[in-house]
């Protein structure tokens, strides 16, 4: 838990606003939270509680898509600026 809190505090800055997120209902091992930071950077935090790797497709309201692999038993953050 200590490392997870440290991860959030590194990427989610004071003044950030939580954004709505959704995950495909077939991906029970994934949890995700997204925040719009004061510097206009979106921070998407994804936790994979399964021991196997999972490929994730990310879409925002402008349908921009990114695809990356989330390793098993890991927490990852994707930072991006929306044009």
PDB file of N, CA and C in Angstrom:
ATOM      1  N   UNK A   1       0.821  -1.188   0.000  1.00  0.00           N
ATOM      2  CA  UNK A   1       0.000   0.000   0.000  1.00  0.00           C
ATOM      3  C   UNK A   1       0.871   1.261   0.000  1.00  0.00           C
ATOM      4  N   UNK A   2       1.993   1.209   0.695  1.00  0.00           N
ATOM      5  CA  UNK A   2       2.910   2.348   0.757  1.00  0.00           C
ATOM      6  C   UNK A   2       3.370   2.756  -0.637  1.00  0.00           C
ATOM      7  N   UNK A   3       3.730   1.768  -1.463  1.00  0.00           N
ATOM      8  CA  UNK A   3       4.227   2.053  -2.805  1.00  0.00           C
ATOM      9  C   UNK A   3       3.121   2.576  -3.725  1.00  0.00           C
ATOM     10  N   UNK A   4       1.909   2.083  -3.547  1.00  0.00           N
ATOM     11  CA  UNK A   4       0.787   2.561  -4.355  1.00  0.00           C
ATOM     12  C   UNK A   4       0.483   4.021  -4.028  1.00  0.00           C
ATOM     13  N   UNK A   5       0.478   4.370  -2.757  1.00  0.00           N
ATOM     14  CA  UNK A   5       0.256   5.767  -2.373  1.00  0.00           C
ATOM     15  C   UNK A   5       1.370   6.658  -2.904  1.00  0.00           C
ATOM     16  N   UNK A   6       2.591   6.169  -2.853  1.00  0.00           N
ATOM     17  CA  UNK A   6       3.713   6.922  -3.396  1.00  0.00           C
ATOM     18  C   UNK A   6       3.582   7.125  -4.888  1.00  0.00           C
ATOM     19  N   UNK A   7       3.081   6.108  -5.572  1.00  0.00           N
ATOM     20  CA  UNK A   7       2.880   6.206  -7.018  1.00  0.00           C
ATOM     21  C   UNK A   7       1.859   7.304  -7.333  1.00  0.00           C
ATOM     22  N   UNK A   8       0.739   7.293  -6.627  1.00  0.00           N
ATOM     23  CA  UNK A   8      -0.283   8.312  -6.853  1.00  0.00           C
ATOM     24  C   UNK A   8       0.244   9.701  -6.548  1.00  0.00           C
ATOM     25  N   UNK A   9       0.972   9.848  -5.460  1.00  0.00           N
ATOM     26  CA  UNK A   9       1.450  11.185  -5.090  1.00  0.00           C
ATOM     27  C   UNK A   9       2.483  11.717  -6.081  1.00  0.00           C
ATOM     28  N   UNK A  10       3.145  10.834  -6.789  1.00  0.00           N
ATOM     29  CA  UNK A  10       4.128  11.273  -7.788  1.00  0.00           C
ATOM     30  C   UNK A  10       3.457  11.826  -9.043  1.00  0.00           C
ATOM     31  N   UNK A  11       2.330  11.253  -9.444  1.00  0.00           N
ATOM     32  CA  UNK A  11       1.712  11.600 -10.715  1.00  0.00           C
ATOM     33  C   UNK A  11       0.432  12.422 -10.599  1.00  0.00           C
ATOM     34  N   UNK A  12      -0.286  12.312  -9.500  1.00  0.00           N
ATOM     35  CA  UNK A  12      -1.528  13.070  -9.312  1.00  0.00           C
ATOM     36  C   UNK A  12      -1.217  14.259  -8.409  1.00  0.00           C
ATOM     37  N   UNK A  13      -1.136  15.438  -9.012  1.00  0.00           N
ATOM     38  CA  UNK A  13      -0.715  16.649  -8.307  1.00  0.00           C
ATOM     39  C   UNK A  13      -1.889  17.306  -7.586  1.00  0.00           C
ATOM     40  N   UNK A  14      -1.615  18.090  -6.535  1.00  0.00           N
ATOM     41  CA  UNK A  14      -2.685  18.838  -5.854  1.00  0.00           C
ATOM     42  C   UNK A  14      -3.439  19.713  -6.861  1.00  0.00           C
ATOM     43  N   UNK A  15      -4.750  19.744  -6.719  1.00  0.00           N
ATOM     44  CA  UNK A  15      -5.586  20.508  -7.638  1.00  0.00           C
ATOM     45  C   UNK A  15      -6.070  19.698  -8.829  1.00  0.00           C
ATOM     46  N   UNK A  16      -5.675  18.431  -8.913  1.00  0.00           N
ATOM     47  CA  UNK A  16      -6.127  17.571 -10.009  1.00  0.00           C
ATOM     48  C   UNK A  16      -7.612  17.269  -9.856  1.00  0.00           C
ATOM     49  N   UNK A  17      -8.276  17.059 -10.993  1.00  0.00           N
ATOM     50  CA  UNK A  17      -9.698  16.738 -11.012  1.00  0.00           C
ATOM     51  C   UNK A  17      -9.861  15.329 -11.562  1.00  0.00           C
ATOM     52  N   UNK A  18     -10.625  14.509 -10.840  1.00  0.00           N
ATOM     53  CA  UNK A  18     -10.837  13.131 -11.281  1.00  0.00           C
ATOM     54  C   UNK A  18     -11.751  13.106 -12.495  1.00  0.00           C
ATOM     55  N   UNK A  19     -11.402  12.282 -13.481  1.00  0.00           N
ATOM     56  CA  UNK A  19     -12.179  12.107 -14.698  1.00  0.00           C
ATOM     57  C   UNK A  19     -12.913  10.774 -14.665  1.00  0.00           C
ATOM     58  N   UNK A  20     -13.963  10.672 -15.433  1.00  0.00           N
ATOM     59  CA  UNK A  20     -14.715   9.419 -15.535  1.00  0.00           C
ATOM     60  C   UNK A  20     -13.904   8.404 -16.330  1.00  0.00           C
ATOM     61  N   UNK A  21     -13.836   7.181 -15.835  1.00  0.00           N
ATOM     62  CA  UNK A  21     -13.147   6.101 -16.539  1.00  0.00           C
ATOM     63  C   UNK A  21     -14.072   4.893 -16.623  1.00  0.00           C
ATOM     64  N   UNK A  22     -13.839   4.059 -17.592  1.00  0.00           N
ATOM     65  CA  UNK A  22     -14.571   2.797 -17.696  1.00  0.00           C
ATOM     66  C   UNK A  22     -13.630   1.742 -18.250  1.00  0.00           C
ATOM     67  N   UNK A  23     -13.903   0.502 -17.880  1.00  0.00           N
ATOM     68  CA  UNK A  23     -13.087  -0.633 -18.307  1.00  0.00           C
ATOM     69  C   UNK A  23     -14.018  -1.683 -18.886  1.00  0.00           C
ATOM     70  N   UNK A  24     -13.581  -2.321 -19.943  1.00  0.00           N
ATOM     71  CA  UNK A  24     -14.355  -3.413 -20.543  1.00  0.00           C
ATOM     72  C   UNK A  24     -14.714  -4.413 -19.450  1.00  0.00           C
ATOM     73  N   UNK A  25     -15.966  -4.812 -19.409  1.00  0.00           N
ATOM     74  CA  UNK A  25     -16.430  -5.695 -18.336  1.00  0.00           C
ATOM     75  C   UNK A  25     -15.741  -7.059 -18.322  1.00  0.00           C
ATOM     76  N   UNK A  26     -15.035  -7.418 -19.399  1.00  0.00           N
ATOM     77  CA  UNK A  26     -14.296  -8.684 -19.442  1.00  0.00           C
ATOM     78  C   UNK A  26     -12.925  -8.591 -18.782  1.00  0.00           C
ATOM     79  N   UNK A  27     -12.523  -7.388 -18.372  1.00  0.00           N
ATOM     80  CA  UNK A  27     -11.202  -7.178 -17.776  1.00  0.00           C
ATOM     81  C   UNK A  27     -11.336  -7.005 -16.258  1.00  0.00           C
ATOM     82  N   UNK A  28     -11.688  -8.065 -15.566  1.00  0.00           N
ATOM     83  CA  UNK A  28     -11.927  -8.006 -14.127  1.00  0.00           C
ATOM     84  C   UNK A  28     -10.677  -7.685 -13.314  1.00  0.00           C
ATOM     85  N   UNK A  29      -9.504  -7.921 -13.856  1.00  0.00           N
ATOM     86  CA  UNK A  29      -8.262  -7.707 -13.107  1.00  0.00           C
ATOM     87  C   UNK A  29      -7.786  -6.262 -13.164  1.00  0.00           C
ATOM     88  N   UNK A  30      -8.376  -5.456 -14.036  1.00  0.00           N
ATOM     89  CA  UNK A  30      -7.914  -4.080 -14.207  1.00  0.00           C
ATOM     90  C   UNK A  30      -8.748  -3.088 -13.406  1.00  0.00           C
ATOM     91  N   UNK A  31      -8.071  -2.101 -12.861  1.00  0.00           N
ATOM     92  CA  UNK A  31      -8.701  -0.947 -12.206  1.00  0.00           C
ATOM     93  C   UNK A  31      -8.028   0.289 -12.786  1.00  0.00           C
ATOM     94  N   UNK A  32      -8.807   1.340 -13.013  1.00  0.00           N
ATOM     95  CA  UNK A  32      -8.233   2.545 -13.602  1.00  0.00           C
ATOM     96  C   UNK A  32      -8.854   3.798 -13.006  1.00  0.00           C
ATOM     97  N   UNK A  33      -8.031   4.814 -12.854  1.00  0.00           N
ATOM     98  CA  UNK A  33      -8.455   6.148 -12.450  1.00  0.00           C
ATOM     99  C   UNK A  33      -7.737   7.141 -13.343  1.00  0.00           C
ATOM    100  N   UNK A  34      -8.445   8.200 -13.718  1.00  0.00           N
ATOM    101  CA  UNK A  34      -7.828   9.241 -14.550  1.00  0.00           C
ATOM    102  C   UNK A  34      -8.037  10.596 -13.882  1.00  0.00           C
ATOM    103  N   UNK A  35      -7.046  11.458 -14.044  1.00  0.00           N
ATOM    104  CA  UNK A  35      -7.091  12.791 -13.444  1.00  0.00           C
ATOM    105  C   UNK A  35      -6.608  13.808 -14.455  1.00  0.00           C
ATOM    106  N   UNK A  36      -7.245  14.974 -14.480  1.00  0.00           N
ATOM    107  CA  UNK A  36      -6.745  16.111 -15.239  1.00  0.00           C
ATOM    108  C   UNK A  36      -5.999  16.983 -14.250  1.00  0.00           C
ATOM    109  N   UNK A  37      -4.698  17.101 -14.473  1.00  0.00           N
ATOM    110  CA  UNK A  37      -3.850  17.862 -13.554  1.00  0.00           C
ATOM    111  C   UNK A  37      -3.898  19.351 -13.875  1.00  0.00           C
ATOM    112  N   UNK A  38      -3.501  20.215 -12.937  1.00  0.00           N
ATOM    113  CA  UNK A  38      -3.504  21.655 -13.176  1.00  0.00           C
ATOM    114  C   UNK A  38      -2.617  22.088 -14.346  1.00  0.00           C
ATOM    115  N   UNK A  39      -1.618  21.285 -14.708  1.00  0.00           N
ATOM    116  CA  UNK A  39      -0.746  21.619 -15.841  1.00  0.00           C
ATOM    117  C   UNK A  39      -1.305  21.121 -17.183  1.00  0.00           C
ATOM    118  N   UNK A  40      -2.611  20.729 -17.190  1.00  0.00           N
ATOM    119  CA  UNK A  40      -3.334  20.270 -18.372  1.00  0.00           C
ATOM    120  C   UNK A  40      -2.846  18.922 -18.890  1.00  0.00           C
ATOM    121  N   UNK A  41      -2.183  18.156 -18.056  1.00  0.00           N
ATOM    122  CA  UNK A  41      -1.747  16.799 -18.385  1.00  0.00           C
ATOM    123  C   UNK A  41      -2.753  15.823 -17.786  1.00  0.00           C
ATOM    124  N   UNK A  42      -3.156  14.836 -18.573  1.00  0.00           N
ATOM    125  CA  UNK A  42      -4.027  13.787 -18.065  1.00  0.00           C
ATOM    126  C   UNK A  42      -3.159  12.652 -17.536  1.00  0.00           C
ATOM    127  N   UNK A  43      -3.446  12.211 -16.328  1.00  0.00           N
ATOM    128  CA  UNK A  43      -2.742  11.082 -15.719  1.00  0.00           C
ATOM    129  C   UNK A  43      -3.726   9.918 -15.607  1.00  0.00           C
ATOM    130  N   UNK A  44      -3.439   8.835 -16.305  1.00  0.00           N
ATOM    131  CA  UNK A  44      -4.261   7.637 -16.265  1.00  0.00           C
ATOM    132  C   UNK A  44      -3.490   6.574 -15.496  1.00  0.00           C
ATOM    133  N   UNK A  45      -4.020   6.176 -14.344  1.00  0.00           N
ATOM    134  CA  UNK A  45      -3.374   5.179 -13.489  1.00  0.00           C
ATOM    135  C   UNK A  45      -4.120   3.865 -13.660  1.00  0.00           C
ATOM    136  N   UNK A  46      -3.385   2.817 -14.044  1.00  0.00           N
ATOM    137  CA  UNK A  46      -3.985   1.497 -14.271  1.00  0.00           C
ATOM    138  C   UNK A  46      -3.298   0.472 -13.381  1.00  0.00           C
ATOM    139  N   UNK A  47      -4.113  -0.309 -12.669  1.00  0.00           N
ATOM    140  CA  UNK A  47      -3.617  -1.366 -11.789  1.00  0.00           C
ATOM    141  C   UNK A  47      -4.064  -2.707 -12.347  1.00  0.00           C
ATOM    142  N   UNK A  48      -3.129  -3.633 -12.495  1.00  0.00           N
ATOM    143  CA  UNK A  48      -3.413  -4.991 -12.945  1.00  0.00           C
ATOM    144  C   UNK A  48      -3.193  -5.929 -11.764  1.00  0.00           C
ATOM    145  N   UNK A  49      -4.269  -6.484 -11.238  1.00  0.00           N
ATOM    146  CA  UNK A  49      -4.170  -7.374 -10.074  1.00  0.00           C
ATOM    147  C   UNK A  49      -3.940  -8.835 -10.450  1.00  0.00           C
ATOM    148  N   UNK A  50      -3.939  -9.124 -11.743  1.00  0.00           N
ATOM    149  CA  UNK A  50      -3.704 -10.486 -12.211  1.00  0.00           C
ATOM    150  C   UNK A  50      -2.202 -10.707 -12.382  1.00  0.00           C
ATOM    151  N   UNK A  51      -1.780 -11.952 -12.371  1.00  0.00           N
ATOM    152  CA  UNK A  51      -0.349 -12.242 -12.530  1.00  0.00           C
ATOM    153  C   UNK A  51       0.087 -12.235 -13.998  1.00  0.00           C
ATOM    154  N   UNK A  52      -0.867 -12.242 -14.924  1.00  0.00           N
ATOM    155  CA  UNK A  52      -0.508 -12.239 -16.346  1.00  0.00           C
ATOM    156  C   UNK A  52      -0.567 -10.827 -16.920  1.00  0.00           C
ATOM    157  N   UNK A  53       0.182 -10.625 -17.999  1.00  0.00           N
ATOM    158  CA  UNK A  53       0.193  -9.338 -18.687  1.00  0.00           C
ATOM    159  C   UNK A  53      -1.122  -9.137 -19.439  1.00  0.00           C
ATOM    160  N   UNK A  54      -1.574  -7.885 -19.522  1.00  0.00           N
ATOM    161  CA  UNK A  54      -2.815  -7.558 -20.227  1.00  0.00           C
ATOM    162  C   UNK A  54      -2.544  -6.389 -21.167  1.00  0.00           C
ATOM    163  N   UNK A  55      -2.959  -6.532 -22.425  1.00  0.00           N
ATOM    164  CA  UNK A  55      -2.853  -5.439 -23.381  1.00  0.00           C
ATOM    165  C   UNK A  55      -4.059  -4.526 -23.206  1.00  0.00           C
ATOM    166  N   UNK A  56      -3.790  -3.230 -23.112  1.00  0.00           N
ATOM    167  CA  UNK A  56      -4.827  -2.244 -22.841  1.00  0.00           C
ATOM    168  C   UNK A  56      -4.938  -1.285 -24.017  1.00  0.00           C
ATOM    169  N   UNK A  57      -6.164  -0.999 -24.440  1.00  0.00           N
ATOM    170  CA  UNK A  57      -6.445   0.035 -25.434  1.00  0.00           C
ATOM    171  C   UNK A  57      -7.046   1.217 -24.692  1.00  0.00           C
ATOM    172  N   UNK A  58      -6.498   2.405 -24.898  1.00  0.00           N
ATOM    173  CA  UNK A  58      -6.959   3.606 -24.209  1.00  0.00           C
ATOM    174  C   UNK A  58      -7.631   4.527 -25.219  1.00  0.00           C
ATOM    175  N   UNK A  59      -8.839   4.972 -24.876  1.00  0.00           N
ATOM    176  CA  UNK A  59      -9.563   5.929 -25.707  1.00  0.00           C
ATOM    177  C   UNK A  59     -10.026   7.070 -24.819  1.00  0.00           C
ATOM    178  N   UNK A  60      -9.961   8.296 -25.354  1.00  0.00           N
ATOM    179  CA  UNK A  60     -10.532   9.418 -24.624  1.00  0.00           C
ATOM    180  C   UNK A  60     -11.726   9.935 -25.424  1.00  0.00           C
ATOM    181  N   UNK A  61     -12.324  11.031 -24.996  1.00  0.00           N
ATOM    182  CA  UNK A  61     -13.537  11.511 -25.650  1.00  0.00           C
ATOM    183  C   UNK A  61     -13.317  11.974 -27.086  1.00  0.00           C
ATOM    184  N   UNK A  62     -12.073  12.143 -27.500  1.00  0.00           N
ATOM    185  CA  UNK A  62     -11.796  12.490 -28.898  1.00  0.00           C
ATOM    186  C   UNK A  62     -11.403  11.250 -29.698  1.00  0.00           C
ATOM    187  N   UNK A  63     -11.593  10.073 -29.114  1.00  0.00           N
ATOM    188  CA  UNK A  63     -11.314   8.783 -29.735  1.00  0.00           C
ATOM    189  C   UNK A  63      -9.850   8.540 -30.040  1.00  0.00           C
ATOM    190  N   UNK A  64      -8.970   9.271 -29.413  1.00  0.00           N
ATOM    191  CA  UNK A  64      -7.551   8.998 -29.556  1.00  0.00           C
ATOM    192  C   UNK A  64      -7.275   7.660 -28.879  1.00  0.00           C
ATOM    193  N   UNK A  65      -6.529   6.809 -29.534  1.00  0.00           N
ATOM    194  CA  UNK A  65      -6.284   5.476 -28.986  1.00  0.00           C
ATOM    195  C   UNK A  65      -4.794   5.258 -28.792  1.00  0.00           C
ATOM    196  N   UNK A  66      -4.459   4.709 -27.643  1.00  0.00           N
ATOM    197  CA  UNK A  66      -3.098   4.243 -27.374  1.00  0.00           C
ATOM    198  C   UNK A  66      -3.213   2.793 -26.931  1.00  0.00           C
ATOM    199  N   UNK A  67      -2.232   2.010 -27.245  1.00  0.00           N
ATOM    200  CA  UNK A  67      -2.239   0.612 -26.843  1.00  0.00           C
ATOM    201  C   UNK A  67      -0.911   0.302 -26.169  1.00  0.00           C
ATOM    202  N   UNK A  68      -0.981  -0.320 -24.999  1.00  0.00           N
ATOM    203  CA  UNK A  68       0.233  -0.742 -24.319  1.00  0.00           C
ATOM    204  C   UNK A  68      -0.061  -1.933 -23.429  1.00  0.00           C
ATOM    205  N   UNK A  69       1.002  -2.601 -23.014  1.00  0.00           N
ATOM    206  CA  UNK A  69       0.867  -3.778 -22.176  1.00  0.00           C
ATOM    207  C   UNK A  69       1.065  -3.400 -20.707  1.00  0.00           C
ATOM    208  N   UNK A  70       0.156  -3.877 -19.862  1.00  0.00           N
ATOM    209  CA  UNK A  70       0.269  -3.684 -18.424  1.00  0.00           C
ATOM    210  C   UNK A  70       0.743  -5.011 -17.842  1.00  0.00           C
ATOM    211  N   UNK A  71       1.924  -5.007 -17.264  1.00  0.00           N
ATOM    212  CA  UNK A  71       2.473  -6.243 -16.698  1.00  0.00           C
ATOM    213  C   UNK A  71       1.623  -6.719 -15.533  1.00  0.00           C
ATOM    214  N   UNK A  72       1.685  -8.017 -15.273  1.00  0.00           N
ATOM    215  CA  UNK A  72       0.938  -8.603 -14.169  1.00  0.00           C
ATOM    216  C   UNK A  72       1.377  -8.033 -12.831  1.00  0.00           C
ATOM    217  N   UNK A  73       0.422  -7.904 -11.918  1.00  0.00           N
ATOM    218  CA  UNK A  73       0.678  -7.409 -10.564  1.00  0.00           C
ATOM    219  C   UNK A  73       1.444  -6.091 -10.572  1.00  0.00           C
ATOM    220  N   UNK A  74       0.983  -5.122 -11.382  1.00  0.00           N
ATOM    221  CA  UNK A  74       1.705  -3.853 -11.467  1.00  0.00           C
ATOM    222  C   UNK A  74       0.737  -2.675 -11.493  1.00  0.00           C
ATOM    223  N   UNK A  75       1.280  -1.501 -11.200  1.00  0.00           N
ATOM    224  CA  UNK A  75       0.552  -0.255 -11.327  1.00  0.00           C
ATOM    225  C   UNK A  75       1.347   0.620 -12.293  1.00  0.00           C
ATOM    226  N   UNK A  76       0.636   1.216 -13.242  1.00  0.00           N
ATOM    227  CA  UNK A  76       1.270   1.992 -14.302  1.00  0.00           C
ATOM    228  C   UNK A  76       0.527   3.307 -14.482  1.00  0.00           C
ATOM    229  N   UNK A  77       1.249   4.332 -14.916  1.00  0.00           N
ATOM    230  CA  UNK A  77       0.621   5.615 -15.200  1.00  0.00           C
ATOM    231  C   UNK A  77       1.004   6.073 -16.590  1.00  0.00           C
ATOM    232  N   UNK A  78      -0.007   6.475 -17.337  1.00  0.00           N
ATOM    233  CA  UNK A  78       0.172   7.043 -18.660  1.00  0.00           C
ATOM    234  C   UNK A  78      -0.112   8.536 -18.544  1.00  0.00           C
ATOM    235  N   UNK A  79       0.847   9.358 -18.934  1.00  0.00           N
ATOM    236  CA  UNK A  79       0.684  10.814 -18.918  1.00  0.00           C
ATOM    237  C   UNK A  79       0.571  11.297 -20.353  1.00  0.00           C
ATOM    238  N   UNK A  80      -0.420  12.128 -20.635  1.00  0.00           N
ATOM    239  CA  UNK A  80      -0.528  12.686 -21.978  1.00  0.00           C
ATOM    240  C   UNK A  80      -1.231  14.040 -21.952  1.00  0.00           C
ATOM    241  N   UNK A  81      -0.930  14.827 -22.976  1.00  0.00           N
ATOM    242  CA  UNK A  81      -1.547  16.135 -23.154  1.00  0.00           C
ATOM    243  C   UNK A  81      -2.501  16.030 -24.326  1.00  0.00           C
ATOM    244  N   UNK A  82      -3.725  16.415 -24.100  1.00  0.00           N
ATOM    245  CA  UNK A  82      -4.737  16.375 -25.135  1.00  0.00           C
ATOM    246  C   UNK A  82      -4.634  17.606 -26.012  1.00  0.00           C
ATOM    247  N   UNK A  83      -4.627  17.406 -27.317  1.00  0.00           N
ATOM    248  CA  UNK A  83      -4.530  18.539 -28.259  1.00  0.00           C
ATOM    249  C   UNK A  83      -5.849  19.226 -28.416  1.00  0.00           C
TER     250      UNK A  83
END
